[in-house]
C-alpha atoms as a PDB file:
ATOM      1  CA  UNK A   1      69.047  11.117 129.800  1.00  0.00           C
ATOM      2  CA  UNK A   2      69.302  14.385 130.254  1.00  0.00           C
ATOM      3  CA  UNK A   3      67.733  17.562 128.930  1.00  0.00           C
ATOM      4  CA  UNK A   4      70.655  18.778 126.973  1.00  0.00           C
ATOM      5  CA  UNK A   5      71.303  15.485 125.492  1.00  0.00           C
ATOM      6  CA  UNK A   6      67.847  15.645 124.169  1.00  0.00           C
ATOM      7  CA  UNK A   7      68.128  18.665 122.873  1.00  0.00           C
ATOM      8  CA  UNK A   8      71.503  18.030 120.999  1.00  0.00           C
ATOM      9  CA  UNK A   9      69.557  15.117 119.942  1.00  0.00           C
ATOM     10  CA  UNK A  10      66.011  16.853 118.666  1.00  0.00           C
ATOM     11  CA  UNK A  11      68.551  19.640 116.765  1.00  0.00           C
ATOM     12  CA  UNK A  12      70.308  16.880 114.995  1.00  0.00           C
ATOM     13  CA  UNK A  13      66.957  15.211 113.857  1.00  0.00           C
ATOM     14  CA  UNK A  14      65.950  18.437 112.700  1.00  0.00           C
ATOM     15  CA  UNK A  15      68.573  19.208 111.031  1.00  0.00           C
ATOM     16  CA  UNK A  16      69.518  16.173 109.502  1.00  0.00           C
ATOM     17  CA  UNK A  17      73.244  17.210 109.897  1.00  0.00           C
ATOM     18  CA  UNK A  18      75.820  16.978 112.946  1.00  0.00           C
ATOM     19  CA  UNK A  19      77.445  20.148 111.329  1.00  0.00           C
ATOM     20  CA  UNK A  20      74.364  22.346 110.482  1.00  0.00           C
ATOM     21  CA  UNK A  21      73.181  20.979 114.360  1.00  0.00           C
ATOM     22  CA  UNK A  22      76.359  22.315 116.125  1.00  0.00           C
ATOM     23  CA  UNK A  23      75.958  25.488 114.377  1.00  0.00           C
ATOM     24  CA  UNK A  24      72.567  26.091 115.554  1.00  0.00           C
ATOM     25  CA  UNK A  25      73.249  25.100 119.296  1.00  0.00           C
ATOM     26  CA  UNK A  26      76.964  27.252 119.403  1.00  0.00           C
ATOM     27  CA  UNK A  27      78.813  23.580 120.008  1.00  0.00           C
ATOM     28  CA  UNK A  28      81.436  22.435 118.725  1.00  0.00           C
ATOM     29  CA  UNK A  29      80.574  19.017 115.996  1.00  0.00           C
ATOM     30  CA  UNK A  30      82.972  16.796 118.211  1.00  0.00           C
ATOM     31  CA  UNK A  31      80.850  17.573 121.273  1.00  0.00           C
ATOM     32  CA  UNK A  32      77.506  16.949 119.568  1.00  0.00           C
ATOM     33  CA  UNK A  33      78.999  13.956 118.637  1.00  0.00           C
ATOM     34  CA  UNK A  34      80.203  12.485 120.994  1.00  0.00           C
ATOM     35  CA  UNK A  35      76.576  13.515 122.880  1.00  0.00           C
ATOM     36  CA  UNK A  36      74.730  11.502 120.620  1.00  0.00           C
ATOM     37  CA  UNK A  37      76.721   8.528 120.579  1.00  0.00           C
ATOM     38  CA  UNK A  38      76.674   8.377 124.574  1.00  0.00           C
ATOM     39  CA  UNK A  39      72.736   8.722 124.577  1.00  0.00           C
ATOM     40  CA  UNK A  40      73.087   5.783 122.414  1.00  0.00           C
ATOM     41  CA  UNK A  41      74.744   3.633 124.146  1.00  0.00           C
ATOM     42  CA  UNK A  42      72.834   4.608 127.463  1.00  0.00           C
ATOM     43  CA  UNK A  43      69.648   3.284 125.496  1.00  0.00           C
ATOM     44  CA  UNK A  44      71.508   0.467 124.031  1.00  0.00           C
ATOM     45  CA  UNK A  45      69.774   1.296 120.407  1.00  0.00           C
ATOM     46  CA  UNK A  46      71.477   3.166 117.477  1.00  0.00           C
ATOM     47  CA  UNK A  47      69.399   6.509 117.009  1.00  0.00           C
ATOM     48  CA  UNK A  48      70.754   7.579 113.635  1.00  0.00           C
ATOM     49  CA  UNK A  49      71.867   6.031 110.280  1.00  0.00           C
ATOM     50  CA  UNK A  50      74.613   7.500 109.270  1.00  0.00           C
ATOM     51  CA  UNK A  51      74.951   8.437 105.587  1.00  0.00           C
ATOM     52  CA  UNK A  52      77.960  10.640 104.602  1.00  0.00           C
ATOM     53  CA  UNK A  53      77.641  13.873 106.492  1.00  0.00           C
ATOM     54  CA  UNK A  54      73.427  13.316 106.366  1.00  0.00           C
ATOM     55  CA  UNK A  55      71.946  11.783 109.658  1.00  0.00           C
ATOM     56  CA  UNK A  56      68.564   9.553 109.382  1.00  0.00           C
ATOM     57  CA  UNK A  57      66.594   9.075 111.968  1.00  0.00           C
ATOM     58  CA  UNK A  58      66.383   4.988 112.887  1.00  0.00           C
ATOM     59  CA  UNK A  59      62.895   3.513 113.632  1.00  0.00           C
ATOM     60  CA  UNK A  60      63.966   3.835 117.522  1.00  0.00           C
ATOM     61  CA  UNK A  61      65.184   7.308 117.056  1.00  0.00           C
ATOM     62  CA  UNK A  62      61.899   8.496 115.332  1.00  0.00           C
ATOM     63  CA  UNK A  63      60.233   6.979 118.766  1.00  0.00           C
ATOM     64  CA  UNK A  64      62.778   8.877 121.102  1.00  0.00           C
ATOM     65  CA  UNK A  65      62.124  12.276 118.851  1.00  0.00           C
ATOM     66  CA  UNK A  66      58.323  12.053 119.916  1.00  0.00           C
ATOM     67  CA  UNK A  67      59.308  11.689 123.667  1.00  0.00           C
ATOM     68  CA  UNK A  68      62.261  14.216 123.398  1.00  0.00           C
ATOM     69  CA  UNK A  69      59.848  17.116 122.233  1.00  0.00           C
ATOM     70  CA  UNK A  70      57.148  16.260 124.797  1.00  0.00           C
ATOM     71  CA  UNK A  71      60.215  16.088 127.625  1.00  0.00           C
ATOM     72  CA  UNK A  72      61.633  19.296 126.399  1.00  0.00           C
ATOM     73  CA  UNK A  73      58.394  20.690 126.102  1.00  0.00           C
ATOM     74  CA  UNK A  74      57.156  20.104 129.775  1.00  0.00           C
ATOM     75  CA  UNK A  75      60.258  21.363 131.084  1.00  0.00           C
ATOM     76  CA  UNK A  76      60.243  24.721 129.291  1.00  0.00           C
ATOM     77  CA  UNK A  77      56.542  24.720 130.559  1.00  0.00           C
ATOM     78  CA  UNK A  78      57.989  24.168 134.445  1.00  0.00           C
ATOM     79  CA  UNK A  79      60.481  26.772 133.793  1.00  0.00           C
ATOM     80  CA  UNK A  80      57.762  29.291 132.627  1.00  0.00           C
ATOM     81  CA  UNK A  81      55.601  28.238 135.930  1.00  0.00           C
ATOM     82  CA  UNK A  82      58.497  29.283 138.232  1.00  0.00           C
ATOM     83  CA  UNK A  83      59.303  32.631 136.614  1.00  0.00           C
ATOM     84  CA  UNK A  84      55.743  33.528 135.187  1.00  0.00           C
ATOM     85  CA  UNK A  85      56.831  37.484 134.963  1.00  0.00           C
ATOM     86  CA  UNK A  86      60.263  36.811 133.021  1.00  0.00           C
ATOM     87  CA  UNK A  87      59.395  34.642 129.697  1.00  0.00           C
ATOM     88  CA  UNK A  88      62.969  32.838 128.903  1.00  0.00           C
ATOM     89  CA  UNK A  89      64.084  30.184 127.144  1.00  0.00           C
ATOM     90  CA  UNK A  90      63.037  28.893 123.515  1.00  0.00           C
ATOM     91  CA  UNK A  91      59.747  29.999 121.747  1.00  0.00           C
ATOM     92  CA  UNK A  92      59.334  28.014 118.472  1.00  0.00           C
ATOM     93  CA  UNK A  93      57.122  29.636 116.755  1.00  0.00           C
ATOM     94  CA  UNK A  94      55.475  28.609 112.941  1.00  0.00           C
ATOM     95  CA  UNK A  95      53.985  30.657 110.042  1.00  0.00           C
ATOM     96  CA  UNK A  96      52.862  30.357 106.264  1.00  0.00           C
ATOM     97  CA  UNK A  97      55.934  32.133 104.196  1.00  0.00           C
ATOM     98  CA  UNK A  98      53.761  34.914 103.241  1.00  0.00           C
ATOM     99  CA  UNK A  99      53.096  35.479 106.727  1.00  0.00           C
ATOM    100  CA  UNK A 100      56.864  35.646 108.113  1.00  0.00           C
ATOM    101  CA  UNK A 101      57.580  37.892 105.237  1.00  0.00           C
ATOM    102  CA  UNK A 102      54.531  40.297 105.352  1.00  0.00           C
ATOM    103  CA  UNK A 103      53.184  39.974 109.116  1.00  0.00           C
ATOM    104  CA  UNK A 104      55.994  39.017 111.602  1.00  0.00           C
ATOM    105  CA  UNK A 105      59.223  41.008 110.954  1.00  0.00           C
ATOM    106  CA  UNK A 106      57.697  44.097 113.826  1.00  0.00           C
ATOM    107  CA  UNK A 107      55.836  42.311 116.167  1.00  0.00           C
ATOM    108  CA  UNK A 108      59.203  39.439 116.352  1.00  0.00           C
ATOM    109  CA  UNK A 109      61.547  42.438 116.758  1.00  0.00           C
ATOM    110  CA  UNK A 110      59.337  44.072 119.352  1.00  0.00           C
ATOM    111  CA  UNK A 111      58.994  40.618 121.316  1.00  0.00           C
ATOM    112  CA  UNK A 112      63.145  40.321 121.345  1.00  0.00           C
ATOM    113  CA  UNK A 113      63.431  44.082 122.710  1.00  0.00           C
ATOM    114  CA  UNK A 114      61.098  43.167 125.573  1.00  0.00           C
ATOM    115  CA  UNK A 115      62.316  40.097 126.104  1.00  0.00           C
ATOM    116  CA  UNK A 116      65.816  39.655 125.163  1.00  0.00           C
ATOM    117  CA  UNK A 117      66.183  36.939 127.106  1.00  0.00           C
ATOM    118  CA  UNK A 118      63.794  34.570 125.129  1.00  0.00           C
ATOM    119  CA  UNK A 119      65.000  32.958 121.937  1.00  0.00           C
ATOM    120  CA  UNK A 120      62.763  33.155 118.954  1.00  0.00           C
ATOM    121  CA  UNK A 121      62.967  30.547 116.611  1.00  0.00           C
ATOM    122  CA  UNK A 122      60.587  30.612 113.317  1.00  0.00           C
ATOM    123  CA  UNK A 123      60.004  27.845 110.567  1.00  0.00           C
ATOM    124  CA  UNK A 124      57.726  28.034 107.783  1.00  0.00           C
ATOM    125  CA  UNK A 125      55.558  25.955 105.978  1.00  0.00           C
ATOM    126  CA  UNK A 126      52.236  25.277 104.538  1.00  0.00           C
ATOM    127  CA  UNK A 127      49.068  25.308 107.186  1.00  0.00           C
ATOM    128  CA  UNK A 128      48.724  21.989 107.470  1.00  0.00           C
ATOM    129  CA  UNK A 129      52.219  20.560 108.385  1.00  0.00           C
ATOM    130  CA  UNK A 130      51.876  23.343 110.684  1.00  0.00           C
ATOM    131  CA  UNK A 131      49.590  22.261 112.086  1.00  0.00           C
ATOM    132  CA  UNK A 132      50.996  18.876 112.539  1.00  0.00           C
ATOM    133  CA  UNK A 133      54.185  19.609 114.505  1.00  0.00           C
ATOM    134  CA  UNK A 134      52.242  21.859 117.164  1.00  0.00           C
ATOM    135  CA  UNK A 135      50.412  18.596 117.841  1.00  0.00           C
ATOM    136  CA  UNK A 136      53.427  16.402 117.394  1.00  0.00           C
ATOM    137  CA  UNK A 137      54.870  19.135 120.324  1.00  0.00           C
ATOM    138  CA  UNK A 138      57.694  20.396 117.783  1.00  0.00           C
ATOM    139  CA  UNK A 139      56.408  24.113 117.704  1.00  0.00           C
ATOM    140  CA  UNK A 140      54.852  26.229 120.494  1.00  0.00           C
ATOM    141  CA  UNK A 141      52.449  28.042 118.061  1.00  0.00           C
ATOM    142  CA  UNK A 142      51.691  28.593 114.691  1.00  0.00           C
ATOM    143  CA  UNK A 143      50.079  31.126 112.164  1.00  0.00           C
ATOM    144  CA  UNK A 144      48.231  29.218 109.683  1.00  0.00           C
ATOM    145  CA  UNK A 145      45.480  30.083 107.562  1.00  0.00           C
ATOM    146  CA  UNK A 146      42.412  27.909 108.929  1.00  0.00           C
ATOM    147  CA  UNK A 147      41.230  25.237 108.008  1.00  0.00           C
ATOM    148  CA  UNK A 148      44.426  23.595 106.983  1.00  0.00           C
ATOM    149  CA  UNK A 149      43.542  21.087 104.051  1.00  0.00           C
ATOM    150  CA  UNK A 150      42.799  17.717 105.611  1.00  0.00           C
ATOM    151  CA  UNK A 151      42.022  18.452 109.324  1.00  0.00           C
ATOM    152  CA  UNK A 152      38.482  19.301 110.046  1.00  0.00           C
ATOM    153  CA  UNK A 153      37.172  22.217 112.549  1.00  0.00           C
ATOM    154  CA  UNK A 154      37.645  20.230 115.398  1.00  0.00           C
ATOM    155  CA  UNK A 155      41.195  19.687 115.133  1.00  0.00           C
ATOM    156  CA  UNK A 156      42.566  19.334 118.857  1.00  0.00           C
ATOM    157  CA  UNK A 157      44.290  22.753 118.976  1.00  0.00           C
ATOM    158  CA  UNK A 158      43.592  26.061 120.520  1.00  0.00           C
ATOM    159  CA  UNK A 159      42.846  28.828 117.814  1.00  0.00           C
ATOM    160  CA  UNK A 160      42.556  32.416 117.793  1.00  0.00           C
ATOM    161  CA  UNK A 161      41.702  34.313 115.013  1.00  0.00           C
ATOM    162  CA  UNK A 162      44.419  37.497 114.176  1.00  0.00           C
ATOM    163  CA  UNK A 163      43.518  38.800 110.857  1.00  0.00           C
ATOM    164  CA  UNK A 164      41.111  37.936 108.340  1.00  0.00           C
ATOM    165  CA  UNK A 165      42.370  38.104 104.500  1.00  0.00           C
ATOM    166  CA  UNK A 166      40.895  38.431 101.156  1.00  0.00           C
ATOM    167  CA  UNK A 167      42.305  36.181  98.525  1.00  0.00           C
ATOM    168  CA  UNK A 168      42.768  37.771  95.149  1.00  0.00           C
ATOM    169  CA  UNK A 169      43.279  36.178  91.822  1.00  0.00           C
ATOM    170  CA  UNK A 170      46.255  37.487  89.928  1.00  0.00           C
ATOM    171  CA  UNK A 171      46.077  36.920  85.805  1.00  0.00           C
ATOM    172  CA  UNK A 172      47.701  38.224  83.027  1.00  0.00           C
ATOM    173  CA  UNK A 173      46.664  42.050  82.029  1.00  0.00           C
ATOM    174  CA  UNK A 174      45.606  40.794  79.121  1.00  0.00           C
ATOM    175  CA  UNK A 175      42.825  38.701  80.563  1.00  0.00           C
ATOM    176  CA  UNK A 176      39.284  39.406  80.056  1.00  0.00           C
ATOM    177  CA  UNK A 177      37.316  40.182  83.627  1.00  0.00           C
ATOM    178  CA  UNK A 178      36.367  37.480  85.540  1.00  0.00           C
ATOM    179  CA  UNK A 179      33.308  37.133  87.606  1.00  0.00           C
ATOM    180  CA  UNK A 180      33.239  33.314  87.910  1.00  0.00           C
ATOM    181  CA  UNK A 181      35.352  30.676  86.859  1.00  0.00           C
ATOM    182  CA  UNK A 182      33.600  30.035  84.237  1.00  0.00           C
ATOM    183  CA  UNK A 183      35.203  33.281  82.761  1.00  0.00           C
ATOM    184  CA  UNK A 184      38.766  32.017  83.309  1.00  0.00           C
ATOM    185  CA  UNK A 185      40.886  31.301  80.081  1.00  0.00           C
ATOM    186  CA  UNK A 186      43.789  30.070  81.698  1.00  0.00           C
ATOM    187  CA  UNK A 187      43.565  27.040  84.092  1.00  0.00           C
ATOM    188  CA  UNK A 188      47.460  26.570  85.545  1.00  0.00           C
ATOM    189  CA  UNK A 189      47.529  27.967  89.316  1.00  0.00           C
ATOM    190  CA  UNK A 190      50.905  29.116  90.626  1.00  0.00           C
ATOM    191  CA  UNK A 191      50.897  28.239  94.546  1.00  0.00           C
ATOM    192  CA  UNK A 192      52.802  26.139  97.419  1.00  0.00           C
ATOM    193  CA  UNK A 193      52.561  23.036  98.125  1.00  0.00           C
ATOM    194  CA  UNK A 194      49.803  20.476  99.141  1.00  0.00           C
ATOM    195  CA  UNK A 195      48.769  21.348 102.636  1.00  0.00           C
ATOM    196  CA  UNK A 196      48.530  24.797 101.826  1.00  0.00           C
ATOM    197  CA  UNK A 197      44.846  26.460 102.305  1.00  0.00           C
ATOM    198  CA  UNK A 198      45.330  29.242  99.825  1.00  0.00           C
ATOM    199  CA  UNK A 199      46.237  26.342  97.208  1.00  0.00           C
ATOM    200  CA  UNK A 200      43.431  24.434  98.359  1.00  0.00           C
ATOM    201  CA  UNK A 201      41.153  27.580  97.867  1.00  0.00           C
ATOM    202  CA  UNK A 202      42.016  28.336  94.617  1.00  0.00           C
ATOM    203  CA  UNK A 203      41.579  24.506  93.509  1.00  0.00           C
ATOM    204  CA  UNK A 204      38.102  24.190  94.764  1.00  0.00           C
ATOM    205  CA  UNK A 205      37.021  27.582  93.185  1.00  0.00           C
ATOM    206  CA  UNK A 206      38.509  26.110  90.294  1.00  0.00           C
ATOM    207  CA  UNK A 207      36.541  23.304  89.815  1.00  0.00           C
END
């Protein structure tokens, strides 16, 4: 198993499509398909179920995915250790959608200008899913609202506070002033999916 084959496998697994994986990797579709088939032959097991153009991991593929993430992360760590003053390779950053839109454009542009050899990859998701992806070595770091729902303060991740934010309650202009949850005249909350810290705080407050 060479690192290139593992990178191709990981990308196909993440995208669920040879076409999208080829676009992301800058490779021909035939090359991606061949490398996946060669990896399956080498390991003696099917890694994907082919459902039309959709690629779904088999149980064996799901097992390999965890090892691939760790092996590729370790290889990247080794490269950085040999050249600590010149960041290169891939930096996989996770962020909440609101953070990615409002906070990250300028810092990421500055980072790219300073270290052009560093390839930045940004994924968005609710806080809990982002932390789970960091723990699974699918992301190198993530900007989240802490603590994410379902994860306690002792979750095994290194944390650094970056911003302190205040949540605001948006209501119709005709709504009477609100000082406590008992003052609410509406009982529907517009929020992101489960796993969003802001949603959990809003739901807890409304209860």
